[in-house]
Amino acid sequence: MAARETPCICVDYVKRFGSKAAAKRLGFLLELYEIGDEEILNQLKTFIGSSFVLLDSSLPAQGKHLNSWKLRINLNPNELKEVIKT
C-alpha cells in the first residue's frame, strides 16, 4: 500500500465511526509527522467540536491546550517524533 493511501484510509474510518476524538488525534499526528496534506486535514477538521479531548486518554489531564485540534497535549510531542526514528 502506498504511503499516500494510509491517511485516506484512516480518514475513512473516522468518517465511518464519526469519532470526533479520533479525528482530532489523527489530525494532530498527521501534522506532527508532516504526512497529511491540506485536503485530508480539512476533512478531519470538519469533525472538530468545541470541547477538548486528551491526546492520550490513559494519561492525566494536564498539559497545554491546542486550539486548532481541540486537544489537550498531555505528553511530549518531541517524544512522539522520536518514536518514529526507532
C-alpha atoms as a PDB file:
ATOM      1  CA  MET A   1       0.000   0.000   0.000  1.00  0.00           C
ATOM      2  CA  ALA A   2       1.324   3.439  -0.890  1.00  0.00           C
ATOM      3  CA  ALA A   3       2.105   5.854   1.936  1.00  0.00           C
ATOM      4  CA  ARG A   4      -0.347   8.374   0.423  1.00  0.00           C
ATOM      5  CA  GLU A   5      -3.236   5.936   0.849  1.00  0.00           C
ATOM      6  CA  THR A   6      -2.732   5.335   4.568  1.00  0.00           C
ATOM      7  CA  PRO A   7      -4.046   8.703   5.823  1.00  0.00           C
ATOM      8  CA  CYS A   8      -7.018   8.394   3.462  1.00  0.00           C
ATOM      9  CA  ILE A   9      -7.926   5.007   4.918  1.00  0.00           C
ATOM     10  CA  CYS A  10      -7.711   6.461   8.421  1.00  0.00           C
ATOM     11  CA  VAL A  11      -9.971   9.354   7.427  1.00  0.00           C
ATOM     12  CA  ASP A  12     -12.466   6.856   6.031  1.00  0.00           C
ATOM     13  CA  TYR A  13     -12.546   5.072   9.402  1.00  0.00           C
ATOM     14  CA  VAL A  14     -13.109   8.373  11.216  1.00  0.00           C
ATOM     15  CA  LYS A  15     -15.971   9.175   8.853  1.00  0.00           C
ATOM     16  CA  ARG A  16     -17.499   5.731   9.267  1.00  0.00           C
ATOM     17  CA  PHE A  17     -17.449   5.797  13.053  1.00  0.00           C
ATOM     18  CA  GLY A  18     -17.961   9.540  13.478  1.00  0.00           C
ATOM     19  CA  SER A  19     -15.450   9.809  16.319  1.00  0.00           C
ATOM     20  CA  LYS A  20     -14.551  13.420  16.996  1.00  0.00           C
ATOM     21  CA  ALA A  21     -11.783  12.369  19.385  1.00  0.00           C
ATOM     22  CA  ALA A  22     -10.212  10.105  16.753  1.00  0.00           C
ATOM     23  CA  ALA A  23     -10.401  12.887  14.147  1.00  0.00           C
ATOM     24  CA  LYS A  24      -8.664  15.321  16.489  1.00  0.00           C
ATOM     25  CA  ARG A  25      -5.904  12.888  17.419  1.00  0.00           C
ATOM     26  CA  LEU A  26      -5.354  11.730  13.860  1.00  0.00           C
ATOM     27  CA  GLY A  27      -5.207  15.288  12.522  1.00  0.00           C
ATOM     28  CA  PHE A  28      -2.702  16.281  15.178  1.00  0.00           C
ATOM     29  CA  LEU A  29      -0.500  13.261  14.446  1.00  0.00           C
ATOM     30  CA  LEU A  30      -0.637  13.783  10.682  1.00  0.00           C
ATOM     31  CA  GLU A  31       0.511  17.370  11.179  1.00  0.00           C
ATOM     32  CA  LEU A  32       3.158  16.359  13.703  1.00  0.00           C
ATOM     33  CA  TYR A  33       4.665  13.767  11.364  1.00  0.00           C
ATOM     34  CA  GLU A  34       4.103  16.027   8.333  1.00  0.00           C
ATOM     35  CA  ILE A  35       2.231  13.374   6.361  1.00  0.00           C
ATOM     36  CA  GLY A  36      -1.211  14.906   5.983  1.00  0.00           C
ATOM     37  CA  ASP A  37      -1.993  17.129   3.029  1.00  0.00           C
ATOM     38  CA  GLU A  38      -4.396  20.071   3.288  1.00  0.00           C
ATOM     39  CA  GLU A  39      -7.340  18.145   1.840  1.00  0.00           C
ATOM     40  CA  ILE A  40      -7.060  15.371   4.432  1.00  0.00           C
ATOM     41  CA  LEU A  41      -6.522  17.797   7.324  1.00  0.00           C
ATOM     42  CA  ASN A  42      -9.507  19.888   6.237  1.00  0.00           C
ATOM     43  CA  GLN A  43     -11.690  16.777   6.095  1.00  0.00           C
ATOM     44  CA  LEU A  44     -10.676  15.902   9.639  1.00  0.00           C
ATOM     45  CA  LYS A  45     -11.295  19.438  10.878  1.00  0.00           C
ATOM     46  CA  THR A  46     -14.952  19.126   9.869  1.00  0.00           C
ATOM     47  CA  PHE A  47     -15.351  16.674  12.782  1.00  0.00           C
ATOM     48  CA  ILE A  48     -13.940  19.007  15.419  1.00  0.00           C
ATOM     49  CA  GLY A  49     -16.431  20.179  18.015  1.00  0.00           C
ATOM     50  CA  SER A  50     -15.987  22.760  20.735  1.00  0.00           C
ATOM     51  CA  SER A  51     -14.751  20.517  23.540  1.00  0.00           C
ATOM     52  CA  PHE A  52     -11.178  19.480  24.207  1.00  0.00           C
ATOM     53  CA  VAL A  53     -10.077  15.851  24.491  1.00  0.00           C
ATOM     54  CA  LEU A  54      -6.841  14.409  25.804  1.00  0.00           C
ATOM     55  CA  LEU A  55      -4.257  13.407  23.247  1.00  0.00           C
ATOM     56  CA  ASP A  56      -3.614  10.283  25.328  1.00  0.00           C
ATOM     57  CA  SER A  57      -6.697   9.314  27.290  1.00  0.00           C
ATOM     58  CA  SER A  58      -4.673   6.983  29.530  1.00  0.00           C
ATOM     59  CA  LEU A  59      -2.575   9.849  30.928  1.00  0.00           C
ATOM     60  CA  PRO A  60      -3.517  12.576  33.434  1.00  0.00           C
ATOM     61  CA  ALA A  61      -5.394  15.668  32.266  1.00  0.00           C
ATOM     62  CA  GLN A  62      -2.511  18.098  32.201  1.00  0.00           C
ATOM     63  CA  GLY A  63      -0.574  19.986  29.547  1.00  0.00           C
ATOM     64  CA  LYS A  64      -1.244  22.718  27.041  1.00  0.00           C
ATOM     65  CA  HIS A  65      -4.452  23.112  25.072  1.00  0.00           C
ATOM     66  CA  LEU A  66      -4.045  23.087  21.296  1.00  0.00           C
ATOM     67  CA  ASN A  67      -6.970  25.066  19.945  1.00  0.00           C
ATOM     68  CA  SER A  68      -6.528  24.088  16.283  1.00  0.00           C
ATOM     69  CA  TRP A  69      -7.349  20.435  17.063  1.00  0.00           C
ATOM     70  CA  LYS A  70      -9.163  20.966  20.386  1.00  0.00           C
ATOM     71  CA  LEU A  71      -6.666  18.682  22.092  1.00  0.00           C
ATOM     72  CA  ARG A  72      -5.028  18.800  25.467  1.00  0.00           C
ATOM     73  CA  ILE A  73      -1.441  17.796  24.755  1.00  0.00           C
ATOM     74  CA  ASN A  74      -0.712  15.650  27.801  1.00  0.00           C
ATOM     75  CA  LEU A  75       2.512  14.118  26.514  1.00  0.00           C
ATOM     76  CA  ASN A  76       5.625  15.478  24.882  1.00  0.00           C
ATOM     77  CA  PRO A  77       5.225  15.770  21.079  1.00  0.00           C
ATOM     78  CA  ASN A  78       9.003  15.524  20.696  1.00  0.00           C
ATOM     79  CA  GLU A  79       8.877  12.053  22.249  1.00  0.00           C
ATOM     80  CA  LEU A  80       6.322  11.061  19.636  1.00  0.00           C
ATOM     81  CA  LYS A  81       8.657  12.312  16.896  1.00  0.00           C
ATOM     82  CA  GLU A  82      11.486  10.239  18.344  1.00  0.00           C
ATOM     83  CA  VAL A  83       9.373   7.079  18.330  1.00  0.00           C
ATOM     84  CA  ILE A  84       9.218   7.075  14.552  1.00  0.00           C
ATOM     85  CA  LYS A  85      13.020   7.086  14.377  1.00  0.00           C
ATOM     86  CA  THR A  86      13.394   3.881  16.360  1.00  0.00           C
END
